[in-house]
Amino acid sequence: MPTPIVIPVLGADELPVMISSWLVDPGESVETGDRLVELLVAGVTFDVAATASGVLQAVERDVNSQVAPGEIIGWIAEPPETEQNDDLE
């Protein structure tokens, strides 16, 4: 089941939060704790980190989009299973 990428509460409820940069492209692998996206609030940059390892499956909001705490902005899919060679002769 994919893991959502959620905008955290930044303590700036009345200020607009913008996506300033995606640091990973869809299809790229990520590890828990990797920086995924930069948010801009009143001239200050905040990073959103991956909460799961896998592959960035989808981006729901583009750069320069205004977002709100709790909003889902993307999805991390489980890593593809490695294929095992079951050839027995």
Protein backbone atom coordinates (compact mmCIF):
# COMPACT_ATOMS: atom_id res chain seq x y z
CA MET A 1 0.00 0.00 0.00
CA PRO A 2 1.47 3.41 -0.93
CA THR A 3 2.54 5.82 1.81
CA PRO A 4 1.24 9.39 1.56
CA ILE A 5 3.59 12.39 1.66
CA VAL A 6 1.82 14.81 4.00
CA ILE A 7 2.47 18.50 4.67
CA PRO A 8 3.47 18.77 8.35
CA VAL A 9 2.22 21.38 10.80
CA LEU A 10 4.84 24.13 10.65
CA GLY A 11 3.44 26.48 13.32
CA ALA A 12 2.68 29.20 10.78
CA ASP A 13 -1.06 28.60 10.39
CA GLU A 14 -1.93 32.01 8.95
CA LEU A 15 1.02 32.18 6.53
CA PRO A 16 0.89 30.64 3.04
CA VAL A 17 2.98 27.50 2.50
CA MET A 18 4.34 26.96 -1.02
CA ILE A 19 6.15 24.03 -2.61
CA SER A 20 9.46 25.53 -3.71
CA SER A 21 11.16 22.39 -5.07
CA TRP A 22 10.74 18.66 -5.47
CA LEU A 23 14.12 17.06 -4.74
CA VAL A 24 13.18 13.63 -6.14
CA ASP A 25 11.51 12.79 -9.44
CA PRO A 26 8.70 10.25 -9.80
CA GLY A 27 10.15 6.78 -10.33
CA GLU A 28 13.26 7.45 -8.22
CA SER A 29 14.04 5.35 -5.15
CA VAL A 30 13.96 6.95 -1.70
CA GLU A 31 14.96 5.82 1.76
CA THR A 32 13.28 6.76 5.02
CA GLY A 33 14.61 10.18 6.05
CA ASP A 34 15.59 11.31 2.54
CA ARG A 35 14.63 14.88 1.71
CA LEU A 36 11.75 14.83 -0.78
CA VAL A 37 10.42 18.36 -1.09
CA GLU A 38 11.23 21.89 0.06
CA LEU A 39 8.48 24.15 1.39
CA LEU A 40 8.69 27.91 1.59
CA VAL A 41 6.98 29.80 4.43
CA ALA A 42 7.59 33.56 4.81
CA GLY A 43 11.03 33.28 3.20
CA VAL A 44 12.09 30.27 5.30
CA THR A 45 12.66 26.86 3.72
CA PHE A 46 11.48 23.65 5.40
CA ASP A 47 12.23 20.12 4.19
CA VAL A 48 9.76 17.25 4.11
CA ALA A 49 11.45 13.87 4.53
CA ALA A 50 10.34 10.44 3.37
CA THR A 51 8.53 8.49 6.08
CA ALA A 52 9.02 5.22 4.20
CA SER A 53 11.46 3.62 1.81
CA GLY A 54 10.35 2.86 -1.72
CA VAL A 55 9.82 4.66 -5.01
CA LEU A 56 8.27 8.12 -5.47
CA GLN A 57 5.12 6.96 -7.21
CA ALA A 58 3.22 10.21 -7.76
CA VAL A 59 3.41 13.95 -7.18
CA GLU A 60 -0.01 15.49 -6.48
CA ARG A 61 1.08 19.14 -6.22
CA ASP A 62 3.57 21.00 -8.42
CA VAL A 63 6.24 23.58 -7.60
CA ASN A 64 4.74 26.98 -6.64
CA SER A 65 1.50 25.35 -5.44
CA GLN A 66 0.09 26.65 -2.18
CA VAL A 67 -0.50 23.80 0.28
CA ALA A 68 -1.88 23.36 3.80
CA PRO A 69 -0.86 21.23 6.81
CA GLY A 70 -2.27 17.72 6.54
CA GLU A 71 -2.57 17.88 2.75
CA ILE A 72 -1.28 14.89 0.76
CA ILE A 73 1.14 16.07 -1.92
CA GLY A 74 2.49 12.77 -3.20
CA TRP A 75 2.87 9.02 -2.70
CA ILE A 76 5.70 6.59 -2.01
CA ALA A 77 5.14 3.07 -3.34
CA GLU A 78 6.71 0.01 -1.81
CA PRO A 79 9.98 -0.92 -3.48
CA PRO A 80 9.63 -3.48 -6.24
CA GLU A 81 10.40 -6.98 -5.09
CA THR A 82 13.68 -8.34 -6.34
CA GLU A 83 13.20 -11.20 -8.71
CA GLN A 84 14.65 -14.50 -7.63
CA ASN A 85 16.09 -16.88 -10.14
CA ASP A 86 14.21 -20.10 -9.51
CA ASP A 87 15.74 -22.02 -12.42
CA LEU A 88 16.40 -25.50 -11.14
CA GLU A 89 17.96 -27.95 -13.51
